[in-house]
Amino acid sequence: SNSLEFSILEMIFFEQHSRLEDYADALFISVSTLKRAIIRINKQLERYDFKIGTGPIQIIGHEATITNTFGNFFTEKYINFDYPFSETQLGLLDKIIHRILDSQKRFINIADLDTLKLIFLVSLVRIQNGHHTKNYSNITLEQFDLTLFDDLFIKNSFKSVFKIEPTKNNLIRLFYPFV
């Protein structure tokens, strides 16, 4: 919670600013201190196949690694499950996950469901920010019952709450860590 490096990572993950100066101001540090911190962070992240890109400022690299890293980061930082997502987002996601997994027996305990929810939320933020760029056209979601997205209320709620369309490609991106 008090780490400068993790504060930088979290701010960039949510893309709160577009310029280094804005991040420095928000963190009450100089731009040169921010640049040095990004160099330190990138040196550590190098082995995990992702980094902070500075033109534009964003987290770039292997999407599955980024998703897992931020899922673990939020689990460690928000130990009381007080994640930085709205109650509306969490509630809708709960409904969607439970409906999709009704026929599944793989995610039956609360810890697995919490992990699944967090990975979905991290993936949603990445999609909202336009970071899922890999072509997933060869992946199918046959093992998941996604007919709930045929329901106009669910479809419109998803679009309204998460600010993305529940298209096949976006759903594949959300389910990618599980397929």
N, C-alpha and C. Protein backbone atom coordinates (compact mmCIF):
# COMPACT_ATOMS: atom_id res chain seq x y z
N SER A 1 0.81 -1.21 0.00
CA SER A 1 0.00 0.00 0.00
C SER A 1 0.84 1.26 0.00
N ASN A 2 2.03 1.19 0.59
CA ASN A 2 2.86 2.39 0.71
C ASN A 2 4.00 2.44 -0.29
N SER A 3 4.10 1.46 -1.13
CA SER A 3 5.19 1.39 -2.08
C SER A 3 4.98 2.36 -3.24
N LEU A 4 5.95 3.20 -3.51
CA LEU A 4 5.89 4.12 -4.63
C LEU A 4 5.74 3.34 -5.94
N GLU A 5 6.53 2.29 -6.08
CA GLU A 5 6.51 1.52 -7.33
C GLU A 5 5.14 0.90 -7.59
N PHE A 6 4.53 0.33 -6.55
CA PHE A 6 3.22 -0.28 -6.76
C PHE A 6 2.14 0.78 -6.94
N SER A 7 2.30 1.94 -6.33
CA SER A 7 1.35 3.03 -6.58
C SER A 7 1.42 3.47 -8.03
N ILE A 8 2.63 3.55 -8.56
CA ILE A 8 2.81 3.91 -9.97
C ILE A 8 2.15 2.87 -10.86
N LEU A 9 2.42 1.59 -10.59
CA LEU A 9 1.83 0.52 -11.39
C LEU A 9 0.30 0.58 -11.37
N GLU A 10 -0.28 0.79 -10.19
CA GLU A 10 -1.73 0.82 -10.09
C GLU A 10 -2.31 2.03 -10.83
N MET A 11 -1.69 3.18 -10.69
CA MET A 11 -2.18 4.37 -11.40
C MET A 11 -2.12 4.16 -12.91
N ILE A 12 -1.03 3.62 -13.38
CA ILE A 12 -0.90 3.40 -14.82
C ILE A 12 -1.87 2.31 -15.28
N PHE A 13 -2.07 1.29 -14.47
CA PHE A 13 -3.03 0.24 -14.82
C PHE A 13 -4.41 0.83 -15.09
N PHE A 14 -4.83 1.74 -14.23
CA PHE A 14 -6.14 2.37 -14.41
C PHE A 14 -6.08 3.57 -15.34
N GLU A 15 -4.89 3.90 -15.83
CA GLU A 15 -4.67 4.99 -16.78
C GLU A 15 -5.36 6.27 -16.35
N GLN A 16 -4.97 6.74 -15.19
CA GLN A 16 -5.57 7.95 -14.67
C GLN A 16 -5.02 9.21 -15.32
N HIS A 17 -3.85 9.13 -15.91
CA HIS A 17 -3.21 10.31 -16.49
C HIS A 17 -2.58 9.95 -17.84
N SER A 18 -2.29 10.98 -18.62
CA SER A 18 -1.68 10.73 -19.93
C SER A 18 -0.25 11.26 -20.02
N ARG A 19 0.17 12.03 -19.04
CA ARG A 19 1.52 12.60 -19.08
C ARG A 19 2.28 12.24 -17.81
N LEU A 20 3.58 12.06 -17.92
CA LEU A 20 4.42 11.76 -16.76
C LEU A 20 4.27 12.84 -15.69
N GLU A 21 4.16 14.08 -16.11
CA GLU A 21 4.04 15.18 -15.17
C GLU A 21 2.79 15.03 -14.30
N ASP A 22 1.71 14.53 -14.89
CA ASP A 22 0.47 14.34 -14.13
C ASP A 22 0.62 13.23 -13.09
N TYR A 23 1.32 12.15 -13.45
CA TYR A 23 1.58 11.09 -12.48
C TYR A 23 2.46 11.60 -11.35
N ALA A 24 3.50 12.35 -11.70
CA ALA A 24 4.40 12.89 -10.69
C ALA A 24 3.64 13.80 -9.72
N ASP A 25 2.79 14.67 -10.26
CA ASP A 25 2.00 15.56 -9.41
C ASP A 25 1.07 14.77 -8.50
N ALA A 26 0.41 13.76 -9.03
CA ALA A 26 -0.53 12.95 -8.24
C ALA A 26 0.19 12.20 -7.12
N LEU A 27 1.44 11.84 -7.36
CA LEU A 27 2.21 11.09 -6.36
C LEU A 27 3.07 12.00 -5.48
N PHE A 28 3.03 13.29 -5.73
CA PHE A 28 3.82 14.27 -4.98
C PHE A 28 5.31 14.00 -5.07
N ILE A 29 5.76 13.69 -6.29
CA ILE A 29 7.18 13.46 -6.54
C ILE A 29 7.59 14.23 -7.78
N SER A 30 8.87 14.34 -8.00
CA SER A 30 9.35 15.02 -9.20
C SER A 30 9.27 14.08 -10.40
N VAL A 31 9.30 14.67 -11.57
CA VAL A 31 9.27 13.88 -12.80
C VAL A 31 10.53 13.01 -12.89
N SER A 32 11.67 13.54 -12.46
CA SER A 32 12.90 12.75 -12.51
C SER A 32 12.83 11.56 -11.55
N THR A 33 12.21 11.73 -10.39
CA THR A 33 12.03 10.62 -9.45
C THR A 33 11.11 9.57 -10.07
N LEU A 34 10.06 10.03 -10.74
CA LEU A 34 9.14 9.11 -11.41
C LEU A 34 9.85 8.34 -12.51
N LYS A 35 10.65 9.02 -13.30
CA LYS A 35 11.38 8.34 -14.37
C LYS A 35 12.34 7.29 -13.81
N ARG A 36 13.03 7.62 -12.72
CA ARG A 36 13.93 6.64 -12.09
C ARG A 36 13.15 5.44 -11.55
N ALA A 37 11.99 5.71 -10.98
CA ALA A 37 11.16 4.62 -10.45
C ALA A 37 10.68 3.72 -11.59
N ILE A 38 10.29 4.30 -12.71
CA ILE A 38 9.85 3.49 -13.86
C ILE A 38 10.99 2.64 -14.38
N ILE A 39 12.19 3.17 -14.41
CA ILE A 39 13.36 2.39 -14.83
C ILE A 39 13.57 1.21 -13.88
N ARG A 40 13.46 1.45 -12.56
CA ARG A 40 13.59 0.36 -11.57
C ARG A 40 12.50 -0.68 -11.76
N ILE A 41 11.27 -0.22 -11.94
CA ILE A 41 10.14 -1.14 -12.13
C ILE A 41 10.36 -1.98 -13.38
N ASN A 42 10.71 -1.34 -14.47
CA ASN A 42 10.90 -2.07 -15.73
C ASN A 42 12.03 -3.08 -15.63
N LYS A 43 13.06 -2.76 -14.88
CA LYS A 43 14.16 -3.70 -14.71
C LYS A 43 13.66 -4.96 -13.99
N GLN A 44 12.77 -4.80 -13.01
CA GLN A 44 12.22 -5.94 -12.28
C GLN A 44 11.20 -6.71 -13.13
N LEU A 45 10.42 -5.98 -13.92
CA LEU A 45 9.37 -6.63 -14.71
C LEU A 45 9.89 -7.30 -15.96
N GLU A 46 11.09 -6.96 -16.36
CA GLU A 46 11.69 -7.50 -17.58
C GLU A 46 11.57 -9.03 -17.65
N ARG A 47 11.83 -9.70 -16.55
CA ARG A 47 11.80 -11.17 -16.54
C ARG A 47 10.39 -11.74 -16.64
N TYR A 48 9.38 -10.88 -16.43
CA TYR A 48 7.99 -11.33 -16.51
C TYR A 48 7.34 -10.97 -17.84
N ASP A 49 8.10 -10.43 -18.75
CA ASP A 49 7.65 -10.16 -20.11
C ASP A 49 6.58 -9.07 -20.19
N PHE A 50 6.68 -8.06 -19.31
CA PHE A 50 5.88 -6.86 -19.48
C PHE A 50 6.60 -5.70 -18.83
N LYS A 51 6.14 -4.48 -19.15
CA LYS A 51 6.81 -3.29 -18.64
C LYS A 51 5.89 -2.09 -18.74
N ILE A 52 6.37 -0.98 -18.21
CA ILE A 52 5.68 0.29 -18.38
C ILE A 52 6.24 0.95 -19.63
N GLY A 53 5.40 1.16 -20.60
CA GLY A 53 5.80 1.89 -21.80
C GLY A 53 5.54 3.37 -21.57
N THR A 54 6.39 4.21 -22.11
CA THR A 54 6.24 5.64 -21.85
C THR A 54 5.78 6.44 -23.05
N GLY A 55 5.48 5.79 -24.12
CA GLY A 55 4.99 6.54 -25.28
C GLY A 55 3.91 5.77 -26.01
N PRO A 56 2.70 5.79 -25.62
CA PRO A 56 2.09 6.45 -24.47
C PRO A 56 2.33 5.67 -23.18
N ILE A 57 2.02 6.29 -22.05
CA ILE A 57 2.25 5.68 -20.74
C ILE A 57 1.20 4.59 -20.53
N GLN A 58 1.66 3.35 -20.51
CA GLN A 58 0.77 2.22 -20.31
C GLN A 58 1.58 0.97 -19.98
N ILE A 59 0.89 -0.02 -19.46
CA ILE A 59 1.52 -1.30 -19.17
C ILE A 59 1.37 -2.16 -20.42
N ILE A 60 2.50 -2.62 -20.92
CA ILE A 60 2.50 -3.38 -22.16
C ILE A 60 3.26 -4.69 -21.95
N GLY A 61 2.92 -5.70 -22.76
CA GLY A 61 3.61 -6.98 -22.69
C GLY A 61 2.65 -8.14 -22.80
N HIS A 62 3.04 -9.26 -22.24
CA HIS A 62 2.26 -10.49 -22.31
C HIS A 62 1.00 -10.35 -21.46
N GLU A 63 -0.14 -10.40 -22.12
CA GLU A 63 -1.41 -10.09 -21.48
C GLU A 63 -1.76 -11.03 -20.32
N ALA A 64 -1.52 -12.32 -20.48
CA ALA A 64 -1.84 -13.26 -19.39
C ALA A 64 -0.99 -12.97 -18.16
N THR A 65 0.26 -12.63 -18.36
CA THR A 65 1.14 -12.30 -17.24
C THR A 65 0.67 -11.02 -16.55
N ILE A 66 0.30 -10.03 -17.33
CA ILE A 66 -0.19 -8.77 -16.77
C ILE A 66 -1.45 -9.03 -15.95
N THR A 67 -2.38 -9.80 -16.50
CA THR A 67 -3.62 -10.10 -15.81
C THR A 67 -3.37 -10.83 -14.50
N ASN A 68 -2.54 -11.86 -14.54
CA ASN A 68 -2.24 -12.61 -13.32
C ASN A 68 -1.50 -11.76 -12.29
N THR A 69 -0.57 -10.95 -12.76
CA THR A 69 0.19 -10.10 -11.84
C THR A 69 -0.73 -9.12 -11.13
N PHE A 70 -1.58 -8.45 -11.88
CA PHE A 70 -2.47 -7.47 -11.25
C PHE A 70 -3.55 -8.15 -10.41
N GLY A 71 -3.99 -9.33 -10.80
CA GLY A 71 -4.90 -10.08 -9.95
C GLY A 71 -4.26 -10.38 -8.61
N ASN A 72 -3.01 -10.85 -8.63
CA ASN A 72 -2.29 -11.13 -7.38
C ASN A 72 -2.00 -9.85 -6.60
N PHE A 73 -1.63 -8.80 -7.31
CA PHE A 73 -1.36 -7.52 -6.67
C PHE A 73 -2.59 -7.02 -5.91
N PHE A 74 -3.76 -7.03 -6.56
CA PHE A 74 -4.97 -6.56 -5.88
C PHE A 74 -5.36 -7.47 -4.72
N THR A 75 -5.11 -8.75 -4.86
CA THR A 75 -5.39 -9.68 -3.75
C THR A 75 -4.53 -9.34 -2.54
N GLU A 76 -3.26 -9.04 -2.78
CA GLU A 76 -2.34 -8.70 -1.69
C GLU A 76 -2.63 -7.33 -1.09
N LYS A 77 -2.91 -6.36 -1.94
CA LYS A 77 -3.11 -4.99 -1.46
C LYS A 77 -4.45 -4.81 -0.76
N TYR A 78 -5.49 -5.39 -1.32
CA TYR A 78 -6.84 -5.20 -0.79
C TYR A 78 -7.26 -6.46 -0.03
N ILE A 79 -6.63 -6.68 1.11
CA ILE A 79 -6.83 -7.93 1.85
C ILE A 79 -8.25 -8.09 2.37
N ASN A 80 -9.00 -7.00 2.47
CA ASN A 80 -10.39 -7.09 2.93
C ASN A 80 -11.36 -7.13 1.75
N PHE A 81 -10.87 -7.48 0.56
CA PHE A 81 -11.68 -7.57 -0.65
C PHE A 81 -12.34 -6.23 -1.00
N ASP A 82 -11.72 -5.14 -0.59
CA ASP A 82 -12.22 -3.81 -0.89
C ASP A 82 -11.55 -3.31 -2.16
N TYR A 83 -11.77 -4.04 -3.25
CA TYR A 83 -11.11 -3.77 -4.51
C TYR A 83 -11.54 -2.41 -5.08
N PRO A 84 -10.70 -1.81 -5.92
CA PRO A 84 -11.02 -0.49 -6.47
C PRO A 84 -12.01 -0.55 -7.64
N PHE A 85 -13.09 -1.28 -7.44
CA PHE A 85 -14.14 -1.41 -8.44
C PHE A 85 -15.45 -1.10 -7.75
N SER A 86 -16.42 -0.59 -8.49
CA SER A 86 -17.68 -0.17 -7.89
C SER A 86 -18.53 -1.38 -7.48
N GLU A 87 -19.45 -1.13 -6.56
CA GLU A 87 -20.38 -2.17 -6.12
C GLU A 87 -21.25 -2.64 -7.29
N THR A 88 -21.59 -1.71 -8.17
CA THR A 88 -22.39 -2.06 -9.35
C THR A 88 -21.63 -3.03 -10.23
N GLN A 89 -20.34 -2.75 -10.47
CA GLN A 89 -19.52 -3.65 -11.28
C GLN A 89 -19.42 -5.02 -10.63
N LEU A 90 -19.14 -5.03 -9.33
CA LEU A 90 -18.99 -6.31 -8.62
C LEU A 90 -20.29 -7.10 -8.61
N GLY A 91 -21.41 -6.42 -8.40
CA GLY A 91 -22.71 -7.10 -8.37
C GLY A 91 -23.08 -7.71 -9.70
N LEU A 92 -22.91 -6.94 -10.77
CA LEU A 92 -23.24 -7.46 -12.11
C LEU A 92 -22.31 -8.62 -12.46
N LEU A 93 -21.05 -8.47 -12.14
CA LEU A 93 -20.11 -9.54 -12.45
C LEU A 93 -20.45 -10.81 -11.67
N ASP A 94 -20.87 -10.68 -10.42
CA ASP A 94 -21.31 -11.84 -9.64
C ASP A 94 -22.45 -12.57 -10.35
N LYS A 95 -23.44 -11.81 -10.79
CA LYS A 95 -24.58 -12.43 -11.48
C LYS A 95 -24.14 -13.15 -12.74
N ILE A 96 -23.29 -12.50 -13.52
CA ILE A 96 -22.83 -13.10 -14.77
C ILE A 96 -22.03 -14.37 -14.50
N ILE A 97 -21.10 -14.29 -13.58
CA ILE A 97 -20.26 -15.46 -13.28
C ILE A 97 -21.10 -16.62 -12.79
N HIS A 98 -22.03 -16.35 -11.88
CA HIS A 98 -22.85 -17.45 -11.35
C HIS A 98 -23.73 -18.07 -12.43
N ARG A 99 -24.26 -17.26 -13.32
CA ARG A 99 -25.08 -17.82 -14.41
C ARG A 99 -24.24 -18.63 -15.38
N ILE A 100 -23.06 -18.14 -15.70
CA ILE A 100 -22.20 -18.86 -16.64
C ILE A 100 -21.70 -20.17 -16.04
N LEU A 101 -21.36 -20.12 -14.76
CA LEU A 101 -20.76 -21.30 -14.13
C LEU A 101 -21.77 -22.26 -13.52
N ASP A 102 -23.05 -21.97 -13.67
CA ASP A 102 -24.07 -22.88 -13.13
C ASP A 102 -23.85 -24.31 -13.60
N SER A 103 -23.49 -24.47 -14.86
CA SER A 103 -23.31 -25.82 -15.39
C SER A 103 -21.88 -26.33 -15.18
N GLN A 104 -21.02 -25.49 -14.69
CA GLN A 104 -19.62 -25.87 -14.47
C GLN A 104 -19.43 -26.36 -13.03
N LYS A 105 -18.54 -27.28 -12.86
CA LYS A 105 -18.22 -27.76 -11.51
C LYS A 105 -16.79 -27.39 -11.13
N ARG A 106 -16.12 -26.63 -12.00
CA ARG A 106 -14.71 -26.31 -11.77
C ARG A 106 -14.49 -25.25 -10.71
N PHE A 107 -15.36 -24.27 -10.62
CA PHE A 107 -15.17 -23.15 -9.70
C PHE A 107 -16.26 -23.17 -8.64
N ILE A 108 -16.13 -24.07 -7.70
CA ILE A 108 -17.24 -24.24 -6.77
C ILE A 108 -16.98 -23.65 -5.39
N ASN A 109 -15.75 -23.25 -5.10
CA ASN A 109 -15.53 -22.69 -3.78
C ASN A 109 -15.38 -21.18 -3.85
N ILE A 110 -15.55 -20.53 -2.72
CA ILE A 110 -15.56 -19.07 -2.67
C ILE A 110 -14.21 -18.48 -3.07
N ALA A 111 -13.13 -19.09 -2.68
CA ALA A 111 -11.80 -18.57 -3.04
C ALA A 111 -11.61 -18.58 -4.56
N ASP A 112 -12.02 -19.66 -5.21
CA ASP A 112 -11.92 -19.72 -6.67
C ASP A 112 -12.81 -18.67 -7.33
N LEU A 113 -14.01 -18.49 -6.80
CA LEU A 113 -14.92 -17.49 -7.36
C LEU A 113 -14.36 -16.08 -7.19
N ASP A 114 -13.75 -15.80 -6.04
CA ASP A 114 -13.14 -14.48 -5.82
C ASP A 114 -11.98 -14.25 -6.78
N THR A 115 -11.17 -15.28 -6.99
CA THR A 115 -10.05 -15.17 -7.94
C THR A 115 -10.58 -14.96 -9.34
N LEU A 116 -11.58 -15.72 -9.72
CA LEU A 116 -12.19 -15.58 -11.04
C LEU A 116 -12.73 -14.18 -11.24
N LYS A 117 -13.44 -13.66 -10.25
CA LYS A 117 -14.01 -12.32 -10.35
C LYS A 117 -12.91 -11.28 -10.52
N LEU A 118 -11.85 -11.39 -9.77
CA LEU A 118 -10.76 -10.43 -9.85
C LEU A 118 -10.06 -10.49 -11.21
N ILE A 119 -9.86 -11.68 -11.73
CA ILE A 119 -9.23 -11.81 -13.05
C ILE A 119 -10.13 -11.21 -14.13
N PHE A 120 -11.45 -11.43 -14.02
CA PHE A 120 -12.37 -10.81 -14.96
C PHE A 120 -12.30 -9.29 -14.88
N LEU A 121 -12.26 -8.74 -13.65
CA LEU A 121 -12.21 -7.30 -13.50
C LEU A 121 -10.92 -6.71 -14.07
N VAL A 122 -9.81 -7.39 -13.83
CA VAL A 122 -8.53 -6.93 -14.40
C VAL A 122 -8.60 -6.97 -15.92
N SER A 123 -9.14 -8.06 -16.46
CA SER A 123 -9.28 -8.18 -17.92
C SER A 123 -10.22 -7.11 -18.47
N LEU A 124 -11.29 -6.83 -17.75
CA LEU A 124 -12.23 -5.79 -18.20
C LEU A 124 -11.54 -4.43 -18.30
N VAL A 125 -10.74 -4.09 -17.30
CA VAL A 125 -10.02 -2.81 -17.33
C VAL A 125 -9.07 -2.78 -18.51
N ARG A 126 -8.38 -3.88 -18.75
CA ARG A 126 -7.45 -3.93 -19.89
C ARG A 126 -8.21 -3.75 -21.21
N ILE A 127 -9.38 -4.38 -21.34
CA ILE A 127 -10.18 -4.22 -22.55
C ILE A 127 -10.69 -2.79 -22.67
N GLN A 128 -11.19 -2.22 -21.56
CA GLN A 128 -11.68 -0.84 -21.57
C GLN A 128 -10.60 0.12 -22.05
N ASN A 129 -9.37 -0.16 -21.67
CA ASN A 129 -8.26 0.72 -22.04
C ASN A 129 -7.62 0.34 -23.37
N GLY A 130 -8.21 -0.63 -24.06
CA GLY A 130 -7.75 -1.01 -25.39
C GLY A 130 -6.45 -1.79 -25.42
N HIS A 131 -6.18 -2.58 -24.39
CA HIS A 131 -4.90 -3.27 -24.31
C HIS A 131 -4.89 -4.71 -24.76
N HIS A 132 -6.04 -5.33 -24.89
CA HIS A 132 -6.07 -6.70 -25.39
C HIS A 132 -5.98 -6.63 -26.91
N THR A 133 -4.81 -6.82 -27.44
CA THR A 133 -4.64 -6.65 -28.88
C THR A 133 -4.42 -7.96 -29.61
N LYS A 134 -4.20 -9.05 -28.90
CA LYS A 134 -3.96 -10.33 -29.53
C LYS A 134 -5.22 -10.80 -30.28
N ASN A 135 -5.01 -11.47 -31.39
CA ASN A 135 -6.11 -12.01 -32.17
C ASN A 135 -6.51 -13.37 -31.57
N TYR A 136 -7.75 -13.45 -31.12
CA TYR A 136 -8.23 -14.67 -30.47
C TYR A 136 -9.21 -15.44 -31.36
N SER A 137 -9.17 -15.22 -32.66
CA SER A 137 -10.17 -15.79 -33.55
C SER A 137 -10.18 -17.32 -33.57
N ASN A 138 -9.09 -17.95 -33.17
CA ASN A 138 -9.04 -19.41 -33.19
C ASN A 138 -9.56 -20.04 -31.89
N ILE A 139 -10.01 -19.24 -30.95
CA ILE A 139 -10.49 -19.74 -29.66
C ILE A 139 -12.01 -19.78 -29.67
N THR A 140 -12.56 -20.84 -29.10
CA THR A 140 -14.01 -20.93 -28.94
C THR A 140 -14.33 -21.02 -27.46
N LEU A 141 -15.56 -20.71 -27.13
CA LEU A 141 -16.00 -20.74 -25.73
C LEU A 141 -17.10 -21.78 -25.53
N GLU A 142 -16.98 -22.88 -26.26
CA GLU A 142 -18.03 -23.90 -26.24
C GLU A 142 -18.28 -24.46 -24.85
N GLN A 143 -17.24 -24.49 -23.99
CA GLN A 143 -17.41 -25.07 -22.66
C GLN A 143 -18.17 -24.16 -21.70
N PHE A 144 -18.43 -22.92 -22.13
CA PHE A 144 -19.17 -21.97 -21.29
C PHE A 144 -20.51 -21.65 -21.94
N ASP A 145 -21.55 -21.61 -21.12
CA ASP A 145 -22.88 -21.24 -21.61
C ASP A 145 -23.00 -19.72 -21.56
N LEU A 146 -22.87 -19.08 -22.72
CA LEU A 146 -22.91 -17.62 -22.79
C LEU A 146 -24.24 -17.11 -23.32
N THR A 147 -25.27 -17.96 -23.28
CA THR A 147 -26.57 -17.54 -23.79
C THR A 147 -27.17 -16.40 -22.96
N LEU A 148 -26.67 -16.19 -21.75
CA LEU A 148 -27.19 -15.08 -20.95
C LEU A 148 -26.95 -13.75 -21.65
N PHE A 149 -25.95 -13.66 -22.53
CA PHE A 149 -25.70 -12.42 -23.26
C PHE A 149 -26.69 -12.23 -24.40
N ASP A 150 -27.54 -13.22 -24.63
CA ASP A 150 -28.65 -13.04 -25.57
C ASP A 150 -29.77 -12.24 -24.91
N ASP A 151 -29.77 -12.24 -23.57
CA ASP A 151 -30.74 -11.47 -22.79
C ASP A 151 -30.41 -9.99 -22.95
N LEU A 152 -31.34 -9.22 -23.49
CA LEU A 152 -31.12 -7.80 -23.78
C LEU A 152 -30.79 -7.01 -22.51
N PHE A 153 -31.42 -7.36 -21.39
CA PHE A 153 -31.15 -6.66 -20.13
C PHE A 153 -29.70 -6.87 -19.69
N ILE A 154 -29.24 -8.12 -19.73
CA ILE A 154 -27.85 -8.43 -19.35
C ILE A 154 -26.88 -7.75 -20.30
N LYS A 155 -27.16 -7.84 -21.58
CA LYS A 155 -26.29 -7.24 -22.60
C LYS A 155 -26.17 -5.72 -22.40
N ASN A 156 -27.31 -5.05 -22.20
CA ASN A 156 -27.29 -3.60 -21.99
C ASN A 156 -26.68 -3.23 -20.65
N SER A 157 -26.93 -4.03 -19.62
CA SER A 157 -26.32 -3.77 -18.31
C SER A 157 -24.81 -3.89 -18.40
N PHE A 158 -24.33 -4.93 -19.07
CA PHE A 158 -22.89 -5.14 -19.25
C PHE A 158 -22.27 -3.94 -19.95
N LYS A 159 -22.92 -3.52 -21.03
CA LYS A 159 -22.40 -2.38 -21.80
C LYS A 159 -22.42 -1.11 -20.96
N SER A 160 -23.48 -0.89 -20.21
CA SER A 160 -23.61 0.31 -19.40
C SER A 160 -22.62 0.34 -18.23
N VAL A 161 -22.49 -0.77 -17.55
CA VAL A 161 -21.64 -0.83 -16.35
C VAL A 161 -20.16 -0.89 -16.70
N PHE A 162 -19.81 -1.69 -17.69
CA PHE A 162 -18.39 -1.90 -18.01
C PHE A 162 -17.88 -1.07 -19.19
N LYS A 163 -18.79 -0.38 -19.87
CA LYS A 163 -18.42 0.51 -20.98
C LYS A 163 -17.73 -0.21 -22.13
N ILE A 164 -18.09 -1.48 -22.31
CA ILE A 164 -17.63 -2.23 -23.48
C ILE A 164 -18.78 -3.11 -23.96
N GLU A 165 -18.75 -3.43 -25.24
CA GLU A 165 -19.77 -4.31 -25.82
C GLU A 165 -19.44 -5.76 -25.46
N PRO A 166 -20.45 -6.56 -25.13
CA PRO A 166 -20.20 -7.98 -24.89
C PRO A 166 -20.13 -8.76 -26.20
N THR A 167 -19.21 -8.35 -27.06
CA THR A 167 -19.03 -9.03 -28.34
C THR A 167 -18.32 -10.36 -28.11
N LYS A 168 -18.36 -11.21 -29.11
CA LYS A 168 -17.68 -12.51 -29.02
C LYS A 168 -16.20 -12.30 -28.73
N ASN A 169 -15.57 -11.37 -29.42
CA ASN A 169 -14.14 -11.13 -29.23
C ASN A 169 -13.84 -10.65 -27.80
N ASN A 170 -14.66 -9.73 -27.27
CA ASN A 170 -14.45 -9.26 -25.90
C ASN A 170 -14.69 -10.37 -24.88
N LEU A 171 -15.70 -11.22 -25.13
CA LEU A 171 -15.95 -12.33 -24.21
C LEU A 171 -14.80 -13.34 -24.24
N ILE A 172 -14.26 -13.58 -25.43
CA ILE A 172 -13.10 -14.47 -25.52
C ILE A 172 -11.94 -13.88 -24.73
N ARG A 173 -11.75 -12.58 -24.84
CA ARG A 173 -10.68 -11.92 -24.09
C ARG A 173 -10.88 -12.06 -22.59
N LEU A 174 -12.13 -11.96 -22.14
CA LEU A 174 -12.41 -12.13 -20.72
C LEU A 174 -12.16 -13.55 -20.25
N PHE A 175 -12.52 -14.52 -21.07
CA PHE A 175 -12.40 -15.92 -20.68
C PHE A 175 -11.04 -16.51 -21.04
N TYR A 176 -10.22 -15.75 -21.74
CA TYR A 176 -8.93 -16.27 -22.22
C TYR A 176 -8.09 -16.96 -21.14
N PRO A 177 -7.98 -16.38 -19.93
CA PRO A 177 -7.17 -17.08 -18.92
C PRO A 177 -7.68 -18.47 -18.55
N PHE A 178 -8.95 -18.75 -18.86
CA PHE A 178 -9.53 -20.03 -18.46
C PHE A 178 -9.61 -21.03 -19.59
N VAL A 179 -9.37 -20.57 -20.83
CA VAL A 179 -9.39 -21.49 -21.96
C VAL A 179 -7.99 -21.68 -22.50
